[in-house]
C-alpha cells in the first residue's frame, strides 16, 4: 500500500459506502483502508488479496512468494470485499456464490474476518 490511510479517512469512506452516497474515490479509499487493516492484522507474504481495480496486498505469515503468480490468491470485487471485511457477508457464502475466487491451500480469510475498523 503506497500511503497509510488515516482511521478518520477510512471510516468516512466506509460511512459514505454504507450510506450509498459513495463516489469512486470513497469506494477506493474504503477498499484500500480495509486492505490496510488486513495487512496490519495478518502481516506476511503468503496470500495475495486482490480487489481490482483498487488494491492488492500480501498477507499471512508463511513461505514468502517473490516471483510470478503467487500460489495462494484471493480475488473479489470492491463491494464484496467491503461486505466481507465489515461482517455484512460471510466468507463461505461469498466463496460459494463465486463472488470470491480463492486458490491455494492457504487462501482462506475466514479466521481473519470481519475486520474491526
C-alpha atoms as a PDB file:
ATOM      1  CA  UNK A   1       0.000   0.000   0.000  1.00  0.00           C
ATOM      2  CA  UNK A   2       1.563   3.289  -1.044  1.00  0.00           C
ATOM      3  CA  UNK A   3       0.379   5.580   1.760  1.00  0.00           C
ATOM      4  CA  UNK A   4      -1.289   4.922   5.063  1.00  0.00           C
ATOM      5  CA  UNK A   5      -4.949   5.874   5.198  1.00  0.00           C
ATOM      6  CA  UNK A   6      -5.914   7.514   8.464  1.00  0.00           C
ATOM      7  CA  UNK A   7      -8.617   5.971  10.614  1.00  0.00           C
ATOM      8  CA  UNK A   8     -10.766   9.078  10.160  1.00  0.00           C
ATOM      9  CA  UNK A   9     -10.475   8.988   6.368  1.00  0.00           C
ATOM     10  CA  UNK A  10     -11.120   5.240   6.289  1.00  0.00           C
ATOM     11  CA  UNK A  11     -14.189   5.469   8.492  1.00  0.00           C
ATOM     12  CA  UNK A  12     -15.544   8.419   6.488  1.00  0.00           C
ATOM     13  CA  UNK A  13     -15.175   6.424   3.265  1.00  0.00           C
ATOM     14  CA  UNK A  14     -16.878   3.400   4.844  1.00  0.00           C
ATOM     15  CA  UNK A  15     -19.723   5.616   6.051  1.00  0.00           C
ATOM     16  CA  UNK A  16     -20.175   7.025   2.546  1.00  0.00           C
ATOM     17  CA  UNK A  17     -20.269   3.499   1.119  1.00  0.00           C
ATOM     18  CA  UNK A  18     -22.787   2.388   3.770  1.00  0.00           C
ATOM     19  CA  UNK A  19     -24.986   5.394   3.017  1.00  0.00           C
ATOM     20  CA  UNK A  20     -24.888   4.542  -0.711  1.00  0.00           C
ATOM     21  CA  UNK A  21     -23.545   8.015  -1.413  1.00  0.00           C
ATOM     22  CA  UNK A  22     -20.013   6.920  -2.208  1.00  0.00           C
ATOM     23  CA  UNK A  23     -18.130   8.486  -5.053  1.00  0.00           C
ATOM     24  CA  UNK A  24     -15.495   6.360  -6.789  1.00  0.00           C
ATOM     25  CA  UNK A  25     -12.816   7.930  -4.563  1.00  0.00           C
ATOM     26  CA  UNK A  26     -14.763   6.935  -1.423  1.00  0.00           C
ATOM     27  CA  UNK A  27     -15.091   3.372  -2.696  1.00  0.00           C
ATOM     28  CA  UNK A  28     -11.383   3.199  -3.486  1.00  0.00           C
ATOM     29  CA  UNK A  29     -10.458   4.633  -0.083  1.00  0.00           C
ATOM     30  CA  UNK A  30     -12.759   2.196   1.742  1.00  0.00           C
ATOM     31  CA  UNK A  31     -11.281  -0.789  -0.108  1.00  0.00           C
ATOM     32  CA  UNK A  32      -7.698   0.331   0.473  1.00  0.00           C
ATOM     33  CA  UNK A  33      -8.367   1.127   4.126  1.00  0.00           C
ATOM     34  CA  UNK A  34      -9.789  -2.354   4.734  1.00  0.00           C
ATOM     35  CA  UNK A  35      -6.864  -3.957   2.886  1.00  0.00           C
ATOM     36  CA  UNK A  36      -4.557  -1.913   5.111  1.00  0.00           C
ATOM     37  CA  UNK A  37      -6.335  -3.228   8.223  1.00  0.00           C
ATOM     38  CA  UNK A  38      -5.998  -6.791   6.934  1.00  0.00           C
ATOM     39  CA  UNK A  39      -2.302  -6.249   6.283  1.00  0.00           C
ATOM     40  CA  UNK A  40      -1.867  -4.938   9.832  1.00  0.00           C
ATOM     41  CA  UNK A  41      -3.828  -7.842  11.335  1.00  0.00           C
ATOM     42  CA  UNK A  42      -2.107 -10.603   9.351  1.00  0.00           C
ATOM     43  CA  UNK A  43       1.297  -9.424   8.120  1.00  0.00           C
ATOM     44  CA  UNK A  44       3.187 -11.707   5.783  1.00  0.00           C
ATOM     45  CA  UNK A  45       3.654 -12.640   2.151  1.00  0.00           C
ATOM     46  CA  UNK A  46       1.919 -15.989   1.695  1.00  0.00           C
ATOM     47  CA  UNK A  47      -1.502 -14.956   0.355  1.00  0.00           C
ATOM     48  CA  UNK A  48      -2.184 -12.210  -2.161  1.00  0.00           C
ATOM     49  CA  UNK A  49      -5.558 -10.495  -1.768  1.00  0.00           C
ATOM     50  CA  UNK A  50      -6.649  -8.619  -4.890  1.00  0.00           C
ATOM     51  CA  UNK A  51      -9.542  -6.177  -5.116  1.00  0.00           C
ATOM     52  CA  UNK A  52      -9.324  -4.752  -8.628  1.00  0.00           C
ATOM     53  CA  UNK A  53      -9.057  -2.027  -9.638  1.00  0.00           C
ATOM     54  CA  UNK A  54      -8.276  -0.513  -6.237  1.00  0.00           C
ATOM     55  CA  UNK A  55      -5.642  -2.570  -4.497  1.00  0.00           C
ATOM     56  CA  UNK A  56      -3.815  -5.728  -3.577  1.00  0.00           C
ATOM     57  CA  UNK A  57      -1.837  -6.810  -0.527  1.00  0.00           C
ATOM     58  CA  UNK A  58       0.189  -9.800   0.530  1.00  0.00           C
ATOM     59  CA  UNK A  59      -0.726 -11.138   3.951  1.00  0.00           C
ATOM     60  CA  UNK A  60      -0.385 -14.101   6.329  1.00  0.00           C
ATOM     61  CA  UNK A  61       2.900 -15.415   7.627  1.00  0.00           C
ATOM     62  CA  UNK A  62       4.492 -18.371   5.929  1.00  0.00           C
ATOM     63  CA  UNK A  63       6.580 -19.074   2.855  1.00  0.00           C
ATOM     64  CA  UNK A  64       7.458 -15.854   1.058  1.00  0.00           C
ATOM     65  CA  UNK A  65       6.461 -15.508  -2.564  1.00  0.00           C
ATOM     66  CA  UNK A  66       8.802 -13.456  -4.747  1.00  0.00           C
ATOM     67  CA  UNK A  67       8.232 -14.164  -8.477  1.00  0.00           C
ATOM     68  CA  UNK A  68       5.330 -14.844 -10.801  1.00  0.00           C
ATOM     69  CA  UNK A  69       1.786 -15.579  -9.711  1.00  0.00           C
ATOM     70  CA  UNK A  70       1.570 -16.408  -6.010  1.00  0.00           C
ATOM     71  CA  UNK A  71       0.358 -19.913  -5.144  1.00  0.00           C
ATOM     72  CA  UNK A  72      -2.339 -18.509  -2.813  1.00  0.00           C
ATOM     73  CA  UNK A  73      -4.530 -15.844  -4.387  1.00  0.00           C
ATOM     74  CA  UNK A  74      -7.842 -14.342  -3.370  1.00  0.00           C
ATOM     75  CA  UNK A  75      -9.686 -12.015  -5.730  1.00  0.00           C
ATOM     76  CA  UNK A  76     -13.009 -10.253  -5.337  1.00  0.00           C
ATOM     77  CA  UNK A  77     -14.846  -7.103  -6.338  1.00  0.00           C
ATOM     78  CA  UNK A  78     -14.870  -3.968  -4.161  1.00  0.00           C
ATOM     79  CA  UNK A  79     -18.430  -4.343  -2.860  1.00  0.00           C
ATOM     80  CA  UNK A  80     -17.900  -7.971  -1.825  1.00  0.00           C
ATOM     81  CA  UNK A  81     -14.591  -7.117  -0.135  1.00  0.00           C
ATOM     82  CA  UNK A  82     -16.228  -4.354   1.893  1.00  0.00           C
ATOM     83  CA  UNK A  83     -19.118  -6.648   2.867  1.00  0.00           C
ATOM     84  CA  UNK A  84     -16.701  -9.392   3.969  1.00  0.00           C
ATOM     85  CA  UNK A  85     -14.360  -7.065   5.822  1.00  0.00           C
ATOM     86  CA  UNK A  86     -17.172  -5.350   7.714  1.00  0.00           C
ATOM     87  CA  UNK A  87     -19.066  -8.536   8.557  1.00  0.00           C
ATOM     88  CA  UNK A  88     -22.067  -7.852   6.329  1.00  0.00           C
ATOM     89  CA  UNK A  89     -21.263 -11.069   4.441  1.00  0.00           C
ATOM     90  CA  UNK A  90     -19.743 -14.373   5.486  1.00  0.00           C
ATOM     91  CA  UNK A  91     -16.712 -15.907   3.765  1.00  0.00           C
ATOM     92  CA  UNK A  92     -18.343 -19.270   2.853  1.00  0.00           C
ATOM     93  CA  UNK A  93     -21.323 -17.513   1.270  1.00  0.00           C
ATOM     94  CA  UNK A  94     -19.156 -15.230  -0.883  1.00  0.00           C
ATOM     95  CA  UNK A  95     -16.904 -18.093  -1.986  1.00  0.00           C
ATOM     96  CA  UNK A  96     -19.875 -20.382  -2.641  1.00  0.00           C
ATOM     97  CA  UNK A  97     -21.607 -17.790  -4.794  1.00  0.00           C
ATOM     98  CA  UNK A  98     -18.466 -17.203  -6.870  1.00  0.00           C
ATOM     99  CA  UNK A  99     -18.008 -13.569  -5.796  1.00  0.00           C
ATOM    100  CA  UNK A 100     -14.689 -14.570  -4.223  1.00  0.00           C
ATOM    101  CA  UNK A 101     -12.201 -16.638  -6.176  1.00  0.00           C
ATOM    102  CA  UNK A 102      -9.714 -18.285  -3.827  1.00  0.00           C
ATOM    103  CA  UNK A 103      -6.935 -20.594  -4.973  1.00  0.00           C
ATOM    104  CA  UNK A 104      -4.276 -22.273  -2.900  1.00  0.00           C
ATOM    105  CA  UNK A 105      -4.246 -24.168   0.354  1.00  0.00           C
ATOM    106  CA  UNK A 106      -3.860 -21.023   2.481  1.00  0.00           C
ATOM    107  CA  UNK A 107      -6.360 -18.838   0.607  1.00  0.00           C
ATOM    108  CA  UNK A 108      -8.982 -18.629   3.353  1.00  0.00           C
ATOM    109  CA  UNK A 109      -9.589 -15.375   5.186  1.00  0.00           C
ATOM    110  CA  UNK A 110     -12.497 -16.600   7.307  1.00  0.00           C
ATOM    111  CA  UNK A 111     -10.463 -16.672  10.557  1.00  0.00           C
ATOM    112  CA  UNK A 112      -9.459 -13.037   9.996  1.00  0.00           C
ATOM    113  CA  UNK A 113     -12.849 -11.591   9.058  1.00  0.00           C
ATOM    114  CA  UNK A 114     -14.587  -9.411   9.852  1.00  0.00           C
ATOM    115  CA  UNK A 115     -12.046  -6.698  10.460  1.00  0.00           C
ATOM    116  CA  UNK A 116     -12.751  -4.167  13.187  1.00  0.00           C
ATOM    117  CA  UNK A 117     -12.230  -0.711  11.692  1.00  0.00           C
END
